[in-house]
Amino acid sequence: MKTVTLSTRLSTAEAERIDTLAAELGLDRSSLLKQLVRRGYHDLQTAHVLDGYRRGLLTLSRAAELAGIGVRDILARLPQESVELNYDLHELQRDLDNLPDAPRR
């Protein structure tokens, strides 16, 4: 896998907290920073797509796809993020009709 080097500026106190946590976890600074960036990216991306869902710009399945998680996982995040489920009876009936063994009306 090809990699690139990214850099950022942190305060001395922030760098010290990162080094302390890395030592506590038995990691080097670089490994911890990779984990922090990946988690931070995932959290921000999920918050971003949930905002799109909240505003009606994305469907639930599209939001889950963009967040890189399953629909069940994104459904679990809705209450945590104070996002209401945008799902009405018409959509429920459509989904039920599309189930593989759904009885036809």
N, C-alpha and C. Protein backbone atom coordinates (compact mmCIF):
# COMPACT_ATOMS: atom_id res chain seq x y z
N MET A 1 0.84 -1.17 0.00
CA MET A 1 0.00 0.00 0.00
C MET A 1 0.89 1.24 0.00
N LYS A 2 0.58 2.15 -0.88
CA LYS A 2 1.32 3.40 -0.95
C LYS A 2 0.88 4.30 0.20
N THR A 3 1.83 4.98 0.81
CA THR A 3 1.51 5.88 1.91
C THR A 3 2.03 7.28 1.62
N VAL A 4 1.47 8.24 2.32
CA VAL A 4 1.95 9.61 2.23
C VAL A 4 2.16 10.12 3.65
N THR A 5 2.99 11.11 3.77
CA THR A 5 3.24 11.72 5.06
C THR A 5 2.46 13.01 5.15
N LEU A 6 1.71 13.15 6.23
CA LEU A 6 0.97 14.37 6.51
C LEU A 6 1.54 15.00 7.76
N SER A 7 1.43 16.31 7.88
CA SER A 7 1.94 16.94 9.10
C SER A 7 0.93 17.97 9.59
N THR A 8 1.02 18.25 10.88
CA THR A 8 0.17 19.27 11.50
C THR A 8 0.93 19.86 12.67
N ARG A 9 0.47 20.99 13.11
CA ARG A 9 1.10 21.63 14.27
C ARG A 9 0.19 21.47 15.48
N LEU A 10 0.76 21.05 16.59
CA LEU A 10 0.05 20.90 17.84
C LEU A 10 0.78 21.69 18.92
N SER A 11 0.03 22.06 19.94
CA SER A 11 0.69 22.72 21.07
C SER A 11 1.57 21.69 21.79
N THR A 12 2.49 22.18 22.56
CA THR A 12 3.37 21.30 23.32
C THR A 12 2.54 20.42 24.26
N ALA A 13 1.52 21.00 24.87
CA ALA A 13 0.68 20.23 25.79
C ALA A 13 -0.06 19.11 25.06
N GLU A 14 -0.55 19.39 23.86
CA GLU A 14 -1.24 18.35 23.08
C GLU A 14 -0.29 17.22 22.71
N ALA A 15 0.92 17.59 22.28
CA ALA A 15 1.92 16.58 21.92
C ALA A 15 2.29 15.73 23.13
N GLU A 16 2.41 16.36 24.28
CA GLU A 16 2.73 15.62 25.50
C GLU A 16 1.61 14.65 25.87
N ARG A 17 0.35 15.08 25.72
CA ARG A 17 -0.78 14.19 26.02
C ARG A 17 -0.78 13.00 25.06
N ILE A 18 -0.46 13.25 23.80
CA ILE A 18 -0.39 12.16 22.82
C ILE A 18 0.73 11.19 23.18
N ASP A 19 1.87 11.72 23.52
CA ASP A 19 3.00 10.85 23.90
C ASP A 19 2.68 10.05 25.15
N THR A 20 2.01 10.66 26.12
CA THR A 20 1.64 9.96 27.34
C THR A 20 0.68 8.82 27.04
N LEU A 21 -0.35 9.11 26.25
CA LEU A 21 -1.31 8.07 25.91
C LEU A 21 -0.66 6.96 25.10
N ALA A 22 0.22 7.31 24.18
CA ALA A 22 0.92 6.31 23.38
C ALA A 22 1.71 5.38 24.30
N ALA A 23 2.41 5.94 25.27
CA ALA A 23 3.19 5.13 26.20
C ALA A 23 2.28 4.22 27.03
N GLU A 24 1.15 4.76 27.47
CA GLU A 24 0.21 3.96 28.27
C GLU A 24 -0.36 2.80 27.47
N LEU A 25 -0.54 3.01 26.17
CA LEU A 25 -1.09 1.97 25.30
C LEU A 25 -0.02 1.07 24.71
N GLY A 26 1.23 1.38 24.97
CA GLY A 26 2.33 0.58 24.42
C GLY A 26 2.53 0.81 22.94
N LEU A 27 2.22 2.01 22.47
CA LEU A 27 2.36 2.36 21.06
C LEU A 27 3.40 3.44 20.88
N ASP A 28 3.91 3.55 19.66
CA ASP A 28 4.74 4.71 19.36
C ASP A 28 3.81 5.84 18.92
N ARG A 29 4.34 7.04 18.87
CA ARG A 29 3.54 8.22 18.53
C ARG A 29 2.85 8.05 17.18
N SER A 30 3.57 7.56 16.19
CA SER A 30 3.01 7.42 14.85
C SER A 30 1.83 6.47 14.81
N SER A 31 1.94 5.35 15.50
CA SER A 31 0.85 4.37 15.52
C SER A 31 -0.39 4.95 16.20
N LEU A 32 -0.18 5.66 17.29
CA LEU A 32 -1.31 6.28 17.98
C LEU A 32 -1.96 7.34 17.09
N LEU A 33 -1.15 8.15 16.44
CA LEU A 33 -1.70 9.19 15.57
C LEU A 33 -2.52 8.59 14.42
N LYS A 34 -2.08 7.47 13.87
CA LYS A 34 -2.86 6.81 12.82
C LYS A 34 -4.23 6.40 13.36
N GLN A 35 -4.24 5.82 14.56
CA GLN A 35 -5.52 5.42 15.16
C GLN A 35 -6.42 6.63 15.42
N LEU A 36 -5.83 7.70 15.92
CA LEU A 36 -6.61 8.91 16.19
C LEU A 36 -7.20 9.50 14.91
N VAL A 37 -6.40 9.54 13.87
CA VAL A 37 -6.89 10.08 12.60
C VAL A 37 -8.01 9.20 12.03
N ARG A 38 -7.82 7.89 12.06
CA ARG A 38 -8.85 6.99 11.53
C ARG A 38 -10.16 7.10 12.32
N ARG A 39 -10.06 7.10 13.64
CA ARG A 39 -11.27 7.23 14.46
C ARG A 39 -11.91 8.60 14.27
N GLY A 40 -11.09 9.61 14.27
CA GLY A 40 -11.62 10.96 14.09
C GLY A 40 -12.29 11.13 12.74
N TYR A 41 -11.67 10.59 11.70
CA TYR A 41 -12.27 10.65 10.37
C TYR A 41 -13.61 9.92 10.36
N HIS A 42 -13.62 8.72 10.91
CA HIS A 42 -14.86 7.93 10.94
C HIS A 42 -15.96 8.68 11.69
N ASP A 43 -15.64 9.23 12.85
CA ASP A 43 -16.63 9.96 13.64
C ASP A 43 -17.14 11.20 12.91
N LEU A 44 -16.24 11.96 12.32
CA LEU A 44 -16.65 13.16 11.59
C LEU A 44 -17.46 12.82 10.33
N GLN A 45 -17.05 11.79 9.62
CA GLN A 45 -17.77 11.37 8.42
C GLN A 45 -19.18 10.91 8.79
N THR A 46 -19.29 10.14 9.87
CA THR A 46 -20.60 9.67 10.32
C THR A 46 -21.48 10.84 10.73
N ALA A 47 -20.93 11.78 11.48
CA ALA A 47 -21.70 12.97 11.88
C ALA A 47 -22.14 13.75 10.65
N HIS A 48 -21.27 13.85 9.66
CA HIS A 48 -21.58 14.58 8.43
C HIS A 48 -22.74 13.93 7.67
N VAL A 49 -22.69 12.61 7.51
CA VAL A 49 -23.76 11.95 6.76
C VAL A 49 -25.05 11.93 7.56
N LEU A 50 -24.97 11.86 8.88
CA LEU A 50 -26.18 11.93 9.69
C LEU A 50 -26.83 13.30 9.57
N ASP A 51 -26.03 14.34 9.44
CA ASP A 51 -26.58 15.67 9.20
C ASP A 51 -27.29 15.72 7.85
N GLY A 52 -26.68 15.09 6.85
CA GLY A 52 -27.32 15.02 5.54
C GLY A 52 -28.63 14.26 5.60
N TYR A 53 -28.67 13.19 6.37
CA TYR A 53 -29.90 12.42 6.55
C TYR A 53 -30.94 13.26 7.29
N ARG A 54 -30.51 13.95 8.35
CA ARG A 54 -31.41 14.80 9.14
C ARG A 54 -32.07 15.86 8.25
N ARG A 55 -31.30 16.42 7.32
CA ARG A 55 -31.82 17.48 6.45
C ARG A 55 -32.55 16.94 5.22
N GLY A 56 -32.63 15.61 5.11
CA GLY A 56 -33.36 15.01 4.00
C GLY A 56 -32.57 14.94 2.70
N LEU A 57 -31.26 15.13 2.77
CA LEU A 57 -30.43 15.10 1.58
C LEU A 57 -29.96 13.69 1.24
N LEU A 58 -30.00 12.78 2.23
CA LEU A 58 -29.54 11.41 2.04
C LEU A 58 -30.59 10.45 2.58
N THR A 59 -30.70 9.30 1.93
CA THR A 59 -31.51 8.23 2.49
C THR A 59 -30.71 7.55 3.59
N LEU A 60 -31.38 6.78 4.39
CA LEU A 60 -30.70 6.07 5.46
C LEU A 60 -29.66 5.11 4.90
N SER A 61 -30.02 4.38 3.85
CA SER A 61 -29.06 3.43 3.29
C SER A 61 -27.87 4.14 2.66
N ARG A 62 -28.08 5.28 2.02
CA ARG A 62 -26.97 6.03 1.43
C ARG A 62 -26.07 6.61 2.53
N ALA A 63 -26.68 7.09 3.60
CA ALA A 63 -25.90 7.61 4.72
C ALA A 63 -25.03 6.51 5.32
N ALA A 64 -25.61 5.32 5.47
CA ALA A 64 -24.84 4.19 6.00
C ALA A 64 -23.69 3.85 5.07
N GLU A 65 -23.98 3.82 3.78
CA GLU A 65 -22.94 3.50 2.79
C GLU A 65 -21.80 4.52 2.85
N LEU A 66 -22.13 5.80 2.90
CA LEU A 66 -21.08 6.83 2.95
C LEU A 66 -20.29 6.80 4.25
N ALA A 67 -20.95 6.38 5.33
CA ALA A 67 -20.26 6.28 6.62
C ALA A 67 -19.43 5.01 6.72
N GLY A 68 -19.67 4.09 5.78
CA GLY A 68 -18.92 2.83 5.80
C GLY A 68 -19.39 1.87 6.87
N ILE A 69 -20.68 1.99 7.24
CA ILE A 69 -21.24 1.10 8.26
C ILE A 69 -22.57 0.56 7.75
N GLY A 70 -23.11 -0.42 8.42
CA GLY A 70 -24.38 -1.01 8.03
C GLY A 70 -25.56 -0.16 8.46
N VAL A 71 -26.70 -0.43 7.86
CA VAL A 71 -27.92 0.32 8.18
C VAL A 71 -28.27 0.14 9.66
N ARG A 72 -28.12 -1.07 10.18
CA ARG A 72 -28.41 -1.29 11.60
C ARG A 72 -27.51 -0.43 12.48
N ASP A 73 -26.26 -0.31 12.10
CA ASP A 73 -25.33 0.49 12.90
C ASP A 73 -25.71 1.97 12.86
N ILE A 74 -26.10 2.45 11.69
CA ILE A 74 -26.47 3.86 11.61
C ILE A 74 -27.78 4.11 12.33
N LEU A 75 -28.69 3.13 12.29
CA LEU A 75 -29.94 3.25 13.06
C LEU A 75 -29.63 3.39 14.56
N ALA A 76 -28.64 2.64 15.03
CA ALA A 76 -28.26 2.71 16.44
C ALA A 76 -27.68 4.07 16.80
N ARG A 77 -27.09 4.75 15.83
CA ARG A 77 -26.48 6.06 16.09
C ARG A 77 -27.50 7.19 16.12
N LEU A 78 -28.67 6.99 15.50
CA LEU A 78 -29.66 8.07 15.42
C LEU A 78 -30.00 8.67 16.79
N PRO A 79 -30.37 7.85 17.78
CA PRO A 79 -30.69 8.45 19.09
C PRO A 79 -29.50 9.16 19.74
N GLN A 80 -28.31 8.59 19.57
CA GLN A 80 -27.11 9.20 20.15
C GLN A 80 -26.86 10.59 19.59
N GLU A 81 -27.22 10.77 18.32
CA GLU A 81 -26.98 12.05 17.64
C GLU A 81 -28.23 12.92 17.58
N SER A 82 -29.28 12.50 18.30
CA SER A 82 -30.57 13.22 18.34
C SER A 82 -31.14 13.43 16.94
N VAL A 83 -31.06 12.37 16.13
CA VAL A 83 -31.60 12.40 14.77
C VAL A 83 -32.84 11.50 14.75
N GLU A 84 -33.94 12.04 14.24
CA GLU A 84 -35.16 11.26 14.15
C GLU A 84 -35.16 10.42 12.88
N LEU A 85 -35.77 9.25 12.98
CA LEU A 85 -35.89 8.36 11.84
C LEU A 85 -36.91 8.94 10.87
N ASN A 86 -36.51 9.15 9.63
CA ASN A 86 -37.41 9.65 8.58
C ASN A 86 -37.94 8.45 7.82
N TYR A 87 -39.01 7.90 8.33
CA TYR A 87 -39.52 6.65 7.75
C TYR A 87 -41.03 6.63 7.98
N ASP A 88 -41.79 6.60 6.91
CA ASP A 88 -43.24 6.62 7.08
C ASP A 88 -43.86 5.28 6.67
N LEU A 89 -45.17 5.17 6.80
CA LEU A 89 -45.86 3.91 6.50
C LEU A 89 -45.71 3.51 5.04
N HIS A 90 -45.70 4.47 4.14
CA HIS A 90 -45.52 4.18 2.72
C HIS A 90 -44.17 3.50 2.47
N GLU A 91 -43.12 4.03 3.11
CA GLU A 91 -41.79 3.44 2.95
C GLU A 91 -41.74 2.04 3.57
N LEU A 92 -42.40 1.87 4.71
CA LEU A 92 -42.45 0.56 5.33
C LEU A 92 -43.13 -0.45 4.41
N GLN A 93 -44.26 -0.06 3.83
CA GLN A 93 -44.97 -0.98 2.94
C GLN A 93 -44.12 -1.31 1.71
N ARG A 94 -43.43 -0.31 1.16
CA ARG A 94 -42.55 -0.55 0.02
C ARG A 94 -41.45 -1.54 0.38
N ASP A 95 -40.85 -1.35 1.55
CA ASP A 95 -39.79 -2.26 1.98
C ASP A 95 -40.32 -3.67 2.23
N LEU A 96 -41.49 -3.76 2.84
CA LEU A 96 -42.10 -5.08 3.05
C LEU A 96 -42.40 -5.77 1.73
N ASP A 97 -42.90 -5.00 0.77
CA ASP A 97 -43.21 -5.57 -0.55
C ASP A 97 -41.96 -6.06 -1.27
N ASN A 98 -40.81 -5.49 -0.94
CA ASN A 98 -39.56 -5.85 -1.61
C ASN A 98 -38.81 -6.98 -0.92
N LEU A 99 -39.35 -7.48 0.19
CA LEU A 99 -38.71 -8.64 0.83
C LEU A 99 -38.83 -9.83 -0.08
N PRO A 100 -37.83 -10.73 -0.08
CA PRO A 100 -37.84 -11.87 -1.01
C PRO A 100 -39.10 -12.74 -0.93
N ASP A 101 -39.59 -13.01 0.26
CA ASP A 101 -40.75 -13.88 0.42
C ASP A 101 -42.01 -13.09 0.80
N ALA A 102 -42.06 -11.84 0.41
CA ALA A 102 -43.20 -11.00 0.79
C ALA A 102 -44.44 -11.40 0.00
N PRO A 103 -45.57 -11.51 0.71
CA PRO A 103 -46.83 -11.79 -0.02
C PRO A 103 -47.19 -10.57 -0.86
N ARG A 104 -47.69 -10.80 -2.03
CA ARG A 104 -48.06 -9.71 -2.94
C ARG A 104 -49.49 -9.27 -2.65
N ARG A 105 -49.69 -7.95 -2.70
CA ARG A 105 -51.03 -7.40 -2.46
C ARG A 105 -51.85 -7.44 -3.72
